[in-house]
PDB file of N, CA and C in Angstrom:
ATOM      1  N   MET A   1     -48.307   8.590  84.675  1.00  0.00           N
ATOM      2  CA  MET A   1     -47.503   9.039  85.961  1.00  0.00           C
ATOM      3  C   MET A   1     -48.287   9.932  86.906  1.00  0.00           C
ATOM      4  N   GLU A   2     -48.320   9.630  88.062  1.00  0.00           N
ATOM      5  CA  GLU A   2     -49.218  10.308  88.926  1.00  0.00           C
ATOM      6  C   GLU A   2     -48.357  11.769  89.257  1.00  0.00           C
ATOM      7  N   ALA A   3     -49.400  13.007  89.626  1.00  0.00           N
ATOM      8  CA  ALA A   3     -48.977  14.194  89.730  1.00  0.00           C
ATOM      9  C   ALA A   3     -47.407  14.445  90.264  1.00  0.00           C
ATOM     10  N   PRO A   4     -47.523  14.082  91.585  1.00  0.00           N
ATOM     11  CA  PRO A   4     -46.184  14.300  92.200  1.00  0.00           C
ATOM     12  C   PRO A   4     -45.069  13.706  91.865  1.00  0.00           C
ATOM     13  N   ASP A   5     -45.208  12.420  91.205  1.00  0.00           N
ATOM     14  CA  ASP A   5     -44.151  11.815  90.574  1.00  0.00           C
ATOM     15  C   ASP A   5     -43.709  12.656  89.202  1.00  0.00           C
ATOM     16  N   ARG A   6     -44.572  13.102  88.516  1.00  0.00           N
ATOM     17  CA  ARG A   6     -44.504  13.740  87.379  1.00  0.00           C
ATOM     18  C   ARG A   6     -43.836  14.887  87.663  1.00  0.00           C
ATOM     19  N   GLU A   7     -44.114  15.732  88.765  1.00  0.00           N
ATOM     20  CA  GLU A   7     -43.468  16.899  89.053  1.00  0.00           C
ATOM     21  C   GLU A   7     -41.853  16.602  89.420  1.00  0.00           C
ATOM     22  N   ILE A   8     -41.664  15.624  90.158  1.00  0.00           N
ATOM     23  CA  ILE A   8     -40.227  15.254  90.368  1.00  0.00           C
ATOM     24  C   ILE A   8     -39.569  14.815  89.545  1.00  0.00           C
ATOM     25  N   VAL A   9     -40.097  14.173  88.565  1.00  0.00           N
ATOM     26  CA  VAL A   9     -39.108  13.680  87.390  1.00  0.00           C
ATOM     27  C   VAL A   9     -38.903  14.785  86.399  1.00  0.00           C
ATOM     28  N   LEU A  10     -39.814  15.777  86.287  1.00  0.00           N
ATOM     29  CA  LEU A  10     -39.792  16.941  85.372  1.00  0.00           C
ATOM     30  C   LEU A  10     -38.603  17.846  85.939  1.00  0.00           C
ATOM     31  N   ARG A  11     -38.747  17.992  87.192  1.00  0.00           N
ATOM     32  CA  ARG A  11     -37.758  18.879  87.907  1.00  0.00           C
ATOM     33  C   ARG A  11     -36.268  18.346  87.758  1.00  0.00           C
ATOM     34  N   LEU A  12     -36.265  16.948  88.106  1.00  0.00           N
ATOM     35  CA  LEU A  12     -34.859  16.397  88.033  1.00  0.00           C
ATOM     36  C   LEU A  12     -34.458  16.222  86.443  1.00  0.00           C
ATOM     37  N   SER A  13     -35.253  16.195  85.665  1.00  0.00           N
ATOM     38  CA  SER A  13     -34.860  16.192  84.225  1.00  0.00           C
ATOM     39  C   SER A  13     -34.219  17.460  83.760  1.00  0.00           C
ATOM     40  N   ILE A  14     -34.897  18.438  84.069  1.00  0.00           N
ATOM     41  CA  ILE A  14     -34.316  19.894  83.789  1.00  0.00           C
ATOM     42  C   ILE A  14     -33.243  20.318  84.628  1.00  0.00           C
ATOM     43  N   GLN A  15     -32.924  19.955  85.706  1.00  0.00           N
ATOM     44  CA  GLN A  15     -31.738  20.124  86.401  1.00  0.00           C
ATOM     45  C   GLN A  15     -30.597  19.250  85.760  1.00  0.00           C
ATOM     46  N   GLY A  16     -30.926  18.104  85.382  1.00  0.00           N
ATOM     47  CA  GLY A  16     -29.866  17.328  84.769  1.00  0.00           C
ATOM     48  C   GLY A  16     -29.588  17.943  83.203  1.00  0.00           C
ATOM     49  N   ALA A  17     -30.371  18.372  82.756  1.00  0.00           N
ATOM     50  CA  ALA A  17     -30.377  19.009  81.192  1.00  0.00           C
ATOM     51  C   ALA A  17     -29.453  20.334  81.433  1.00  0.00           C
ATOM     52  N   LEU A  18     -29.668  20.940  82.407  1.00  0.00           N
ATOM     53  CA  LEU A  18     -29.066  22.338  82.747  1.00  0.00           C
ATOM     54  C   LEU A  18     -27.609  22.264  83.089  1.00  0.00           C
ATOM     55  N   LEU A  19     -27.217  20.885  83.583  1.00  0.00           N
ATOM     56  CA  LEU A  19     -25.696  20.788  83.710  1.00  0.00           C
ATOM     57  C   LEU A  19     -24.703  21.175  82.718  1.00  0.00           C
ATOM     58  N   GLY A  20     -23.992  21.941  82.909  1.00  0.00           N
ATOM     59  CA  GLY A  20     -23.079  22.530  81.515  1.00  0.00           C
ATOM     60  C   GLY A  20     -23.544  23.383  80.686  1.00  0.00           C
ATOM     61  N   ALA A  21     -24.758  23.770  80.958  1.00  0.00           N
ATOM     62  CA  ALA A  21     -25.583  24.786  80.036  1.00  0.00           C
ATOM     63  C   ALA A  21     -25.966  26.027  80.546  1.00  0.00           C
ATOM     64  N   VAL A  22     -25.776  26.265  81.755  1.00  0.00           N
ATOM     65  CA  VAL A  22     -25.939  27.291  82.419  1.00  0.00           C
ATOM     66  C   VAL A  22     -24.926  28.664  82.219  1.00  0.00           C
ATOM     67  N   SER A  23     -25.198  29.686  81.551  1.00  0.00           N
ATOM     68  CA  SER A  23     -24.231  30.902  81.544  1.00  0.00           C
ATOM     69  C   SER A  23     -24.531  31.941  82.253  1.00  0.00           C
ATOM     70  N   SER A  24     -23.779  32.806  82.400  1.00  0.00           N
ATOM     71  CA  SER A  24     -23.970  33.951  83.455  1.00  0.00           C
ATOM     72  C   SER A  24     -25.199  34.714  82.911  1.00  0.00           C
ATOM     73  N   THR A  25     -25.608  34.666  81.931  1.00  0.00           N
ATOM     74  CA  THR A  25     -26.732  35.534  81.376  1.00  0.00           C
ATOM     75  C   THR A  25     -28.424  34.886  81.861  1.00  0.00           C
ATOM     76  N   LEU A  26     -28.253  33.708  82.307  1.00  0.00           N
ATOM     77  CA  LEU A  26     -29.428  32.729  82.744  1.00  0.00           C
ATOM     78  C   LEU A  26     -29.639  33.361  84.328  1.00  0.00           C
ATOM     79  N   ALA A  27     -30.817  33.718  84.688  1.00  0.00           N
ATOM     80  CA  ALA A  27     -31.284  34.282  85.917  1.00  0.00           C
ATOM     81  C   ALA A  27     -31.854  33.241  86.813  1.00  0.00           C
ATOM     82  N   ALA A  28     -32.896  32.729  85.941  1.00  0.00           N
ATOM     83  CA  ALA A  28     -33.657  31.493  86.658  1.00  0.00           C
ATOM     84  C   ALA A  28     -34.294  30.503  85.647  1.00  0.00           C
ATOM     85  N   VAL A  29     -34.681  29.418  86.126  1.00  0.00           N
ATOM     86  CA  VAL A  29     -35.595  28.578  85.164  1.00  0.00           C
ATOM     87  C   VAL A  29     -36.630  28.144  85.963  1.00  0.00           C
ATOM     88  N   THR A  30     -37.805  28.226  85.520  1.00  0.00           N
ATOM     89  CA  THR A  30     -39.112  27.553  86.153  1.00  0.00           C
ATOM     90  C   THR A  30     -39.843  26.665  85.205  1.00  0.00           C
ATOM     91  N   CYS A  31     -40.581  25.846  85.722  1.00  0.00           N
ATOM     92  CA  CYS A  31     -41.202  24.813  84.809  1.00  0.00           C
ATOM     93  C   CYS A  31     -42.702  24.534  85.512  1.00  0.00           C
ATOM     94  N   GLY A  32     -43.538  23.975  84.617  1.00  0.00           N
ATOM     95  CA  GLY A  32     -44.893  23.645  84.738  1.00  0.00           C
ATOM     96  C   GLY A  32     -45.500  22.705  83.796  1.00  0.00           C
ATOM     97  N   TRP A  33     -46.757  22.380  84.262  1.00  0.00           N
ATOM     98  CA  TRP A  33     -47.453  21.562  83.153  1.00  0.00           C
ATOM     99  C   TRP A  33     -48.899  22.364  82.805  1.00  0.00           C
ATOM    100  N   VAL A  34     -49.184  22.208  81.566  1.00  0.00           N
ATOM    101  CA  VAL A  34     -50.638  22.628  80.986  1.00  0.00           C
ATOM    102  C   VAL A  34     -51.020  21.450  80.367  1.00  0.00           C
ATOM    103  N   GLY A  35     -51.783  20.464  80.991  1.00  0.00           N
ATOM    104  CA  GLY A  35     -52.062  19.061  80.339  1.00  0.00           C
ATOM    105  C   GLY A  35     -51.053  18.272  80.254  1.00  0.00           C
ATOM    106  N   ASP A  36     -50.749  17.944  79.060  1.00  0.00           N
ATOM    107  CA  ASP A  36     -49.639  17.076  78.668  1.00  0.00           C
ATOM    108  C   ASP A  36     -48.487  17.941  78.157  1.00  0.00           C
ATOM    109  N   ASN A  37     -48.468  19.191  78.129  1.00  0.00           N
ATOM    110  CA  ASN A  37     -47.540  20.241  77.736  1.00  0.00           C
ATOM    111  C   ASN A  37     -46.657  20.702  78.716  1.00  0.00           C
ATOM    112  N   ILE A  38     -45.174  20.459  78.715  1.00  0.00           N
ATOM    113  CA  ILE A  38     -44.292  20.997  79.506  1.00  0.00           C
ATOM    114  C   ILE A  38     -44.092  22.442  79.469  1.00  0.00           C
ATOM    115  N   VAL A  39     -44.168  23.265  80.410  1.00  0.00           N
ATOM    116  CA  VAL A  39     -43.588  24.620  80.094  1.00  0.00           C
ATOM    117  C   VAL A  39     -42.540  24.917  80.777  1.00  0.00           C
ATOM    118  N   ILE A  40     -41.409  25.292  80.112  1.00  0.00           N
ATOM    119  CA  ILE A  40     -40.083  25.735  80.760  1.00  0.00           C
ATOM    120  C   ILE A  40     -40.050  27.350  80.337  1.00  0.00           C
ATOM    121  N   GLU A  41     -39.918  28.007  81.550  1.00  0.00           N
ATOM    122  CA  GLU A  41     -39.668  29.506  81.333  1.00  0.00           C
ATOM    123  C   GLU A  41     -38.213  29.738  81.813  1.00  0.00           C
ATOM    124  N   PHE A  42     -37.350  30.490  81.025  1.00  0.00           N
ATOM    125  CA  PHE A  42     -36.228  30.878  81.185  1.00  0.00           C
ATOM    126  C   PHE A  42     -36.236  32.349  81.334  1.00  0.00           C
ATOM    127  N   LEU A  43     -35.851  32.743  82.736  1.00  0.00           N
ATOM    128  CA  LEU A  43     -35.535  34.293  83.007  1.00  0.00           C
ATOM    129  C   LEU A  43     -34.314  34.614  82.692  1.00  0.00           C
ATOM    130  N   VAL A  44     -34.059  35.524  81.775  1.00  0.00           N
ATOM    131  CA  VAL A  44     -32.683  35.935  81.157  1.00  0.00           C
ATOM    132  C   VAL A  44     -32.399  37.288  81.349  1.00  0.00           C
ATOM    133  N   ASP A  45     -31.007  37.628  81.316  1.00  0.00           N
ATOM    134  CA  ASP A  45     -30.687  38.897  81.461  1.00  0.00           C
ATOM    135  C   ASP A  45     -30.615  39.715  79.908  1.00  0.00           C
ATOM    136  N   PRO A  46     -30.702  41.182  79.748  1.00  0.00           N
ATOM    137  CA  PRO A  46     -30.835  41.762  78.536  1.00  0.00           C
ATOM    138  C   PRO A  46     -29.814  41.341  77.586  1.00  0.00           C
ATOM    139  N   ASP A  47     -28.526  40.915  78.283  1.00  0.00           N
ATOM    140  CA  ASP A  47     -27.342  40.591  77.242  1.00  0.00           C
ATOM    141  C   ASP A  47     -27.306  39.159  76.937  1.00  0.00           C
ATOM    142  N   PHE A  48     -28.716  38.582  76.901  1.00  0.00           N
ATOM    143  CA  PHE A  48     -28.816  37.179  76.604  1.00  0.00           C
ATOM    144  C   PHE A  48     -28.195  37.075  74.926  1.00  0.00           C
ATOM    145  N   THR A  49     -27.458  36.112  74.557  1.00  0.00           N
ATOM    146  CA  THR A  49     -27.320  36.036  73.329  1.00  0.00           C
ATOM    147  C   THR A  49     -28.114  34.644  72.474  1.00  0.00           C
ATOM    148  N   ASP A  50     -27.864  34.754  71.218  1.00  0.00           N
ATOM    149  CA  ASP A  50     -28.468  33.800  70.370  1.00  0.00           C
ATOM    150  C   ASP A  50     -27.901  32.307  70.834  1.00  0.00           C
ATOM    151  N   GLU A  51     -26.451  32.320  71.133  1.00  0.00           N
ATOM    152  CA  GLU A  51     -25.911  31.147  71.529  1.00  0.00           C
ATOM    153  C   GLU A  51     -26.445  30.870  72.959  1.00  0.00           C
ATOM    154  N   ASP A  52     -26.642  31.856  73.958  1.00  0.00           N
ATOM    155  CA  ASP A  52     -27.361  31.223  75.201  1.00  0.00           C
ATOM    156  C   ASP A  52     -28.778  30.545  74.808  1.00  0.00           C
ATOM    157  N   ARG A  53     -29.337  31.403  73.891  1.00  0.00           N
ATOM    158  CA  ARG A  53     -30.989  30.720  73.487  1.00  0.00           C
ATOM    159  C   ARG A  53     -30.688  29.310  73.104  1.00  0.00           C
ATOM    160  N   GLU A  54     -29.786  28.953  72.079  1.00  0.00           N
ATOM    161  CA  GLU A  54     -29.833  27.760  71.642  1.00  0.00           C
ATOM    162  C   GLU A  54     -29.385  26.790  72.731  1.00  0.00           C
ATOM    163  N   ARG A  55     -28.531  27.038  73.633  1.00  0.00           N
ATOM    164  CA  ARG A  55     -28.262  26.087  74.706  1.00  0.00           C
ATOM    165  C   ARG A  55     -29.633  25.773  75.327  1.00  0.00           C
ATOM    166  N   CYS A  56     -30.352  26.844  75.707  1.00  0.00           N
ATOM    167  CA  CYS A  56     -31.609  26.607  76.381  1.00  0.00           C
ATOM    168  C   CYS A  56     -32.429  25.667  75.492  1.00  0.00           C
ATOM    169  N   GLU A  57     -32.572  26.013  74.332  1.00  0.00           N
ATOM    170  CA  GLU A  57     -33.408  25.031  73.492  1.00  0.00           C
ATOM    171  C   GLU A  57     -32.901  23.732  73.497  1.00  0.00           C
ATOM    172  N   ILE A  58     -31.588  23.161  73.505  1.00  0.00           N
ATOM    173  CA  ILE A  58     -30.890  22.040  73.830  1.00  0.00           C
ATOM    174  C   ILE A  58     -31.543  21.436  74.935  1.00  0.00           C
ATOM    175  N   VAL A  59     -31.522  22.191  76.107  1.00  0.00           N
ATOM    176  CA  VAL A  59     -32.083  21.824  77.350  1.00  0.00           C
ATOM    177  C   VAL A  59     -33.563  21.426  77.380  1.00  0.00           C
ATOM    178  N   ALA A  60     -34.382  21.941  76.615  1.00  0.00           N
ATOM    179  CA  ALA A  60     -35.889  21.582  76.573  1.00  0.00           C
ATOM    180  C   ALA A  60     -35.887  20.296  75.646  1.00  0.00           C
ATOM    181  N   THR A  61     -35.015  20.170  74.466  1.00  0.00           N
ATOM    182  CA  THR A  61     -35.113  19.054  73.781  1.00  0.00           C
ATOM    183  C   THR A  61     -34.588  17.881  74.692  1.00  0.00           C
ATOM    184  N   GLU A  62     -33.683  18.028  75.695  1.00  0.00           N
ATOM    185  CA  GLU A  62     -33.397  16.966  76.315  1.00  0.00           C
ATOM    186  C   GLU A  62     -34.387  16.275  77.407  1.00  0.00           C
ATOM    187  N   VAL A  63     -35.016  17.365  77.789  1.00  0.00           N
ATOM    188  CA  VAL A  63     -36.145  17.220  78.812  1.00  0.00           C
ATOM    189  C   VAL A  63     -37.355  16.515  78.020  1.00  0.00           C
ATOM    190  N   VAL A  64     -37.679  17.072  76.876  1.00  0.00           N
ATOM    191  CA  VAL A  64     -38.993  16.289  76.238  1.00  0.00           C
ATOM    192  C   VAL A  64     -38.653  14.897  75.837  1.00  0.00           C
ATOM    193  N   ALA A  65     -37.300  14.614  75.618  1.00  0.00           N
ATOM    194  CA  ALA A  65     -37.032  13.076  75.144  1.00  0.00           C
ATOM    195  C   ALA A  65     -37.183  12.257  76.682  1.00  0.00           C
ATOM    196  N   ASP A  66     -37.421  12.834  77.760  1.00  0.00           N
ATOM    197  CA  ASP A  66     -37.544  11.939  78.925  1.00  0.00           C
ATOM    198  C   ASP A  66     -39.169  11.638  79.065  1.00  0.00           C
ATOM    199  N   PHE A  67     -39.971  12.488  78.297  1.00  0.00           N
ATOM    200  CA  PHE A  67     -41.391  12.375  78.495  1.00  0.00           C
ATOM    201  C   PHE A  67     -41.972  12.032  77.095  1.00  0.00           C
ATOM    202  N   HIS A  68     -42.145  10.771  76.669  1.00  0.00           N
ATOM    203  CA  HIS A  68     -42.400  10.177  75.527  1.00  0.00           C
ATOM    204  C   HIS A  68     -43.883  10.841  75.013  1.00  0.00           C
ATOM    205  N   ASP A  69     -44.926  11.157  75.881  1.00  0.00           N
ATOM    206  CA  ASP A  69     -46.128  11.461  75.755  1.00  0.00           C
ATOM    207  C   ASP A  69     -46.321  12.752  75.969  1.00  0.00           C
ATOM    208  N   ALA A  70     -45.417  13.787  76.084  1.00  0.00           N
ATOM    209  CA  ALA A  70     -45.566  15.391  76.501  1.00  0.00           C
ATOM    210  C   ALA A  70     -45.143  16.064  75.072  1.00  0.00           C
ATOM    211  N   THR A  71     -45.637  17.169  75.084  1.00  0.00           N
ATOM    212  CA  THR A  71     -44.913  18.131  74.245  1.00  0.00           C
ATOM    213  C   THR A  71     -44.286  19.407  75.125  1.00  0.00           C
ATOM    214  N   ILE A  72     -43.563  20.154  74.634  1.00  0.00           N
ATOM    215  CA  ILE A  72     -42.917  21.135  75.186  1.00  0.00           C
ATOM    216  C   ILE A  72     -42.986  22.537  74.803  1.00  0.00           C
ATOM    217  N   SER A  73     -43.050  23.475  75.384  1.00  0.00           N
ATOM    218  CA  SER A  73     -43.099  24.926  75.171  1.00  0.00           C
ATOM    219  C   SER A  73     -41.954  25.740  76.014  1.00  0.00           C
ATOM    220  N   THR A  74     -41.516  26.565  75.245  1.00  0.00           N
ATOM    221  CA  THR A  74     -40.218  27.230  76.059  1.00  0.00           C
ATOM    222  C   THR A  74     -40.595  28.779  75.946  1.00  0.00           C
ATOM    223  N   ALA A  75     -40.378  29.427  76.862  1.00  0.00           N
ATOM    224  CA  ALA A  75     -40.597  30.923  76.981  1.00  0.00           C
ATOM    225  C   ALA A  75     -39.297  31.615  77.717  1.00  0.00           C
ATOM    226  N   PHE A  76     -38.961  32.795  77.080  1.00  0.00           N
ATOM    227  CA  PHE A  76     -37.700  33.667  77.447  1.00  0.00           C
ATOM    228  C   PHE A  76     -38.256  35.012  77.857  1.00  0.00           C
ATOM    229  N   THR A  77     -37.943  35.224  79.363  1.00  0.00           N
ATOM    230  CA  THR A  77     -38.610  36.557  79.918  1.00  0.00           C
ATOM    231  C   THR A  77     -37.296  37.306  80.379  1.00  0.00           C
ATOM    232  N   SER A  78     -37.294  38.554  80.065  1.00  0.00           N
ATOM    233  CA  SER A  78     -36.194  39.262  80.401  1.00  0.00           C
ATOM    234  C   SER A  78     -36.696  40.625  81.334  1.00  0.00           C
ATOM    235  N   PRO A  79     -35.829  41.083  82.136  1.00  0.00           N
ATOM    236  CA  PRO A  79     -36.212  42.293  82.874  1.00  0.00           C
ATOM    237  C   PRO A  79     -36.638  43.427  82.055  1.00  0.00           C
ATOM    238  N   PRO A  80     -37.382  44.390  82.690  1.00  0.00           N
ATOM    239  CA  PRO A  80     -37.838  44.405  83.888  1.00  0.00           C
ATOM    240  C   PRO A  80     -39.195  43.398  84.018  1.00  0.00           C
ATOM    241  N   SER A  81     -39.116  42.522  84.879  1.00  0.00           N
ATOM    242  CA  SER A  81     -39.987  41.625  85.002  1.00  0.00           C
ATOM    243  C   SER A  81     -40.308  41.386  86.541  1.00  0.00           C
ATOM    244  N   ASP A  82     -41.637  40.905  86.762  1.00  0.00           N
ATOM    245  CA  ASP A  82     -41.795  40.446  88.279  1.00  0.00           C
ATOM    246  C   ASP A  82     -41.697  38.939  88.358  1.00  0.00           C
ATOM    247  N   GLY A  83     -41.112  38.331  87.312  1.00  0.00           N
ATOM    248  CA  GLY A  83     -40.980  36.802  87.551  1.00  0.00           C
ATOM    249  C   GLY A  83     -41.630  36.208  86.171  1.00  0.00           C
ATOM    250  N   PRO A  84     -41.816  34.933  86.370  1.00  0.00           N
ATOM    251  CA  PRO A  84     -42.202  34.321  85.165  1.00  0.00           C
ATOM    252  C   PRO A  84     -43.723  34.738  84.646  1.00  0.00           C
ATOM    253  N   LYS A  85     -44.089  34.817  83.407  1.00  0.00           N
ATOM    254  CA  LYS A  85     -45.084  35.226  82.782  1.00  0.00           C
ATOM    255  C   LYS A  85     -46.175  34.260  82.009  1.00  0.00           C
ATOM    256  N   VAL A  86     -45.763  33.076  81.973  1.00  0.00           N
ATOM    257  CA  VAL A  86     -46.466  32.039  81.196  1.00  0.00           C
ATOM    258  C   VAL A  86     -47.279  31.241  82.153  1.00  0.00           C
ATOM    259  N   PRO A  87     -48.678  31.267  82.020  1.00  0.00           N
ATOM    260  CA  PRO A  87     -49.600  30.743  82.907  1.00  0.00           C
ATOM    261  C   PRO A  87     -49.483  29.127  82.936  1.00  0.00           C
ATOM    262  N   VAL A  88     -49.145  28.821  84.158  1.00  0.00           N
ATOM    263  CA  VAL A  88     -49.521  27.247  84.434  1.00  0.00           C
ATOM    264  C   VAL A  88     -50.122  27.003  85.672  1.00  0.00           C
ATOM    265  N   SER A  89     -50.844  25.909  85.935  1.00  0.00           N
ATOM    266  CA  SER A  89     -51.621  25.725  87.214  1.00  0.00           C
ATOM    267  C   SER A  89     -50.591  25.614  88.265  1.00  0.00           C
ATOM    268  N   LYS A  90     -49.479  25.109  88.298  1.00  0.00           N
ATOM    269  CA  LYS A  90     -48.596  25.231  89.608  1.00  0.00           C
ATOM    270  C   LYS A  90     -47.284  25.245  88.750  1.00  0.00           C
ATOM    271  N   ARG A  91     -46.624  26.105  89.454  1.00  0.00           N
ATOM    272  CA  ARG A  91     -45.002  26.561  88.804  1.00  0.00           C
ATOM    273  C   ARG A  91     -44.000  25.845  89.963  1.00  0.00           C
ATOM    274  N   TRP A  92     -42.809  25.414  89.355  1.00  0.00           N
ATOM    275  CA  TRP A  92     -41.760  25.127  90.177  1.00  0.00           C
ATOM    276  C   TRP A  92     -40.621  25.770  89.863  1.00  0.00           C
ATOM    277  N   TRP A  93     -39.673  26.241  90.738  1.00  0.00           N
ATOM    278  CA  TRP A  93     -38.245  26.716  90.415  1.00  0.00           C
ATOM    279  C   TRP A  93     -37.480  25.574  90.161  1.00  0.00           C
ATOM    280  N   VAL A  94     -36.628  25.650  89.220  1.00  0.00           N
ATOM    281  CA  VAL A  94     -35.556  24.616  89.076  1.00  0.00           C
ATOM    282  C   VAL A  94     -34.343  25.325  89.196  1.00  0.00           C
ATOM    283  N   PHE A  95     -34.165  26.320  88.820  1.00  0.00           N
ATOM    284  CA  PHE A  95     -32.709  27.036  89.206  1.00  0.00           C
ATOM    285  C   PHE A  95     -33.029  28.445  89.228  1.00  0.00           C
ATOM    286  N   LYS A  96     -32.088  29.139  90.222  1.00  0.00           N
ATOM    287  CA  LYS A  96     -32.152  30.536  90.566  1.00  0.00           C
ATOM    288  C   LYS A  96     -30.737  30.813  90.909  1.00  0.00           C
ATOM    289  N   ARG A  97     -30.409  31.771  90.265  1.00  0.00           N
ATOM    290  CA  ARG A  97     -28.982  32.076  90.500  1.00  0.00           C
ATOM    291  C   ARG A  97     -29.005  33.243  91.619  1.00  0.00           C
ATOM    292  N   PHE A  98     -27.660  32.991  92.305  1.00  0.00           N
ATOM    293  CA  PHE A  98     -27.616  33.901  93.482  1.00  0.00           C
ATOM    294  C   PHE A  98     -27.367  35.136  93.252  1.00  0.00           C
ATOM    295  N   GLU A  99     -28.114  36.157  93.961  1.00  0.00           N
ATOM    296  CA  GLU A  99     -28.073  37.596  93.619  1.00  0.00           C
ATOM    297  C   GLU A  99     -27.568  38.184  95.187  1.00  0.00           C
ATOM    298  N   PRO A 100     -26.220  38.597  95.136  1.00  0.00           N
ATOM    299  CA  PRO A 100     -25.903  39.152  96.580  1.00  0.00           C
ATOM    300  C   PRO A 100     -26.520  40.539  96.848  1.00  0.00           C
TER     301      PRO A 100
END
């Protein structure tokens, strides 16, 4: 798959997997590639629970099922933070909670 197509398919896959899985403790989700490894980073609130984490891991499982030749890594980042911390060559925002 070419790079632009791979980016689009990844973002759509994650957004589809997030449907019904987003709780109020999930602030944002980013994604990127490191070779053939998909990196999904979940930016979470301090009150993020084990149940919330399990929902996010299910999201990652649904995503990797769409990419038979890829592996997946997940990361969970909590404030205080300036945003995602996992290094990827290019990162795309998939979800960001509205903050009034």
